[in-house]
Protein backbone atom coordinates (compact mmCIF):
# COMPACT_ATOMS: atom_id res chain seq x y z
CA MET A 1 0.00 0.00 0.00
CA GLN A 2 2.83 2.40 0.81
CA GLU A 3 4.38 1.73 -2.59
CA ILE A 4 1.14 2.71 -4.34
CA LEU A 5 0.86 5.91 -2.29
CA LEU A 6 4.52 6.77 -2.93
CA HIS A 7 4.14 6.36 -6.70
CA PHE A 8 0.85 8.28 -6.57
CA ALA A 9 2.48 11.20 -4.73
CA MET A 10 5.51 11.20 -7.03
CA ALA A 11 3.27 11.20 -10.13
CA ALA A 12 1.21 14.10 -8.75
CA THR A 13 4.35 16.07 -7.89
CA PHE A 14 5.91 15.45 -11.29
CA GLY A 15 2.65 16.53 -12.94
CA ALA A 16 2.60 19.78 -10.96
CA PHE A 17 6.25 20.38 -11.84
CA THR A 18 5.57 19.73 -15.53
CA GLY A 19 2.59 22.10 -15.41
CA SER A 20 4.81 24.76 -13.88
CA LEU A 21 7.36 24.25 -16.66
CA PHE A 22 4.57 24.53 -19.20
CA ARG A 23 3.71 27.91 -17.66
CA LEU A 24 7.20 29.12 -18.55
CA THR A 25 6.56 28.44 -22.23
CA ARG A 26 3.54 30.76 -22.31
CA ARG A 27 3.76 34.43 -23.06
CA PRO A 28 3.69 36.72 -20.03
CA GLY A 29 0.41 38.35 -19.13
CA TYR A 30 -1.86 35.32 -19.09
CA GLU A 31 -4.45 35.27 -16.36
CA ARG A 32 -4.52 32.69 -13.57
CA PRO A 33 -0.91 31.44 -13.52
CA PHE A 34 -1.71 29.13 -10.59
CA MET A 35 -3.95 27.10 -12.89
CA PHE A 36 -0.96 25.50 -14.66
CA PRO A 37 0.46 23.57 -11.67
CA VAL A 38 -3.05 22.60 -10.52
CA VAL A 39 -3.95 21.18 -13.94
CA GLY A 40 -0.55 19.45 -13.96
CA LEU A 41 -1.29 17.94 -10.55
CA ILE A 42 -4.64 16.59 -11.72
CA ALA A 43 -3.07 15.32 -14.95
CA GLY A 44 -0.37 13.52 -12.95
CA ILE A 45 -2.99 11.82 -10.79
CA THR A 46 -5.00 10.79 -13.85
CA ALA A 47 -1.87 9.51 -15.62
CA TYR A 48 -0.99 7.42 -12.57
CA MET A 49 -4.45 5.86 -12.54
CA ILE A 50 -4.13 5.00 -16.24
CA PHE A 51 -0.65 3.58 -15.62
CA TYR A 52 -1.84 1.53 -12.64
CA VAL A 53 -4.60 -0.08 -14.71
CA LEU A 54 -2.18 -0.75 -17.57
CA ALA A 55 0.49 -2.16 -15.26
CA SER A 56 -1.91 -4.48 -13.48
CA THR A 57 -3.58 -5.76 -16.65
CA THR A 58 -0.80 -5.83 -19.24
CA GLY A 59 2.40 -5.44 -17.22
CA ALA A 60 3.30 -2.00 -18.59
CA PRO A 61 6.95 -0.97 -18.06
CA PRO A 62 7.76 1.66 -15.41
CA TRP A 63 9.23 4.10 -17.96
CA LEU A 64 5.72 4.59 -19.35
CA LEU A 65 4.53 6.61 -16.33
CA PRO A 66 6.57 9.81 -16.93
CA ILE A 67 5.63 9.73 -20.61
CA LEU A 68 1.95 9.45 -19.70
CA ILE A 69 2.26 12.36 -17.26
CA VAL A 70 3.94 14.65 -19.80
CA LEU A 71 1.39 13.72 -22.47
CA GLN A 72 -1.53 14.38 -20.12
CA VAL A 73 -0.16 17.77 -19.11
CA TRP A 74 0.53 18.69 -22.73
CA LEU A 75 -2.99 17.68 -23.80
CA TRP A 76 -4.76 19.41 -20.94
CA LEU A 77 -2.77 22.63 -21.13
CA GLY A 78 -2.24 22.60 -24.88
CA PRO A 79 -4.81 21.63 -27.50
CA LEU A 80 -7.51 20.52 -25.06
CA GLY A 81 -6.69 23.17 -22.49
CA PRO A 82 -8.57 26.24 -21.38
CA LYS A 83 -9.03 29.10 -23.78
CA PHE A 84 -8.03 32.55 -22.56
CA ARG A 85 -9.80 35.72 -23.55
CA LYS A 86 -7.84 38.87 -24.12
CA ALA A 87 -8.46 41.45 -21.39
CA GLY A 88 -8.83 44.50 -23.63
CA ASN A 89 -11.28 43.40 -26.33
CA GLY A 90 -14.37 45.10 -24.85
CA ASP A 91 -15.95 41.84 -23.67
CA GLU A 92 -16.99 42.12 -20.05
CA GLY A 93 -16.88 38.86 -18.12
CA ARG A 94 -19.81 38.06 -15.88
């Protein structure tokens, strides 16, 4: 049980770290910078759950976990990520 929790915590931490690194690739001035590590944290947890199912059913190799985490963070913060509105376009948020 401790091994599962340790891998779970390490995957969540690596996801948050990867989300923070993804924040550095964005242009300055984006709103909600704290969102990047939080989405990375959630992506790391989700990637670990996917890896755990794959490892228990098919015997997936351990090197697959970091790749899954980076892919999840890239998908959730990249093409499938949140869309930001420009602050000065006359659209008032409600």
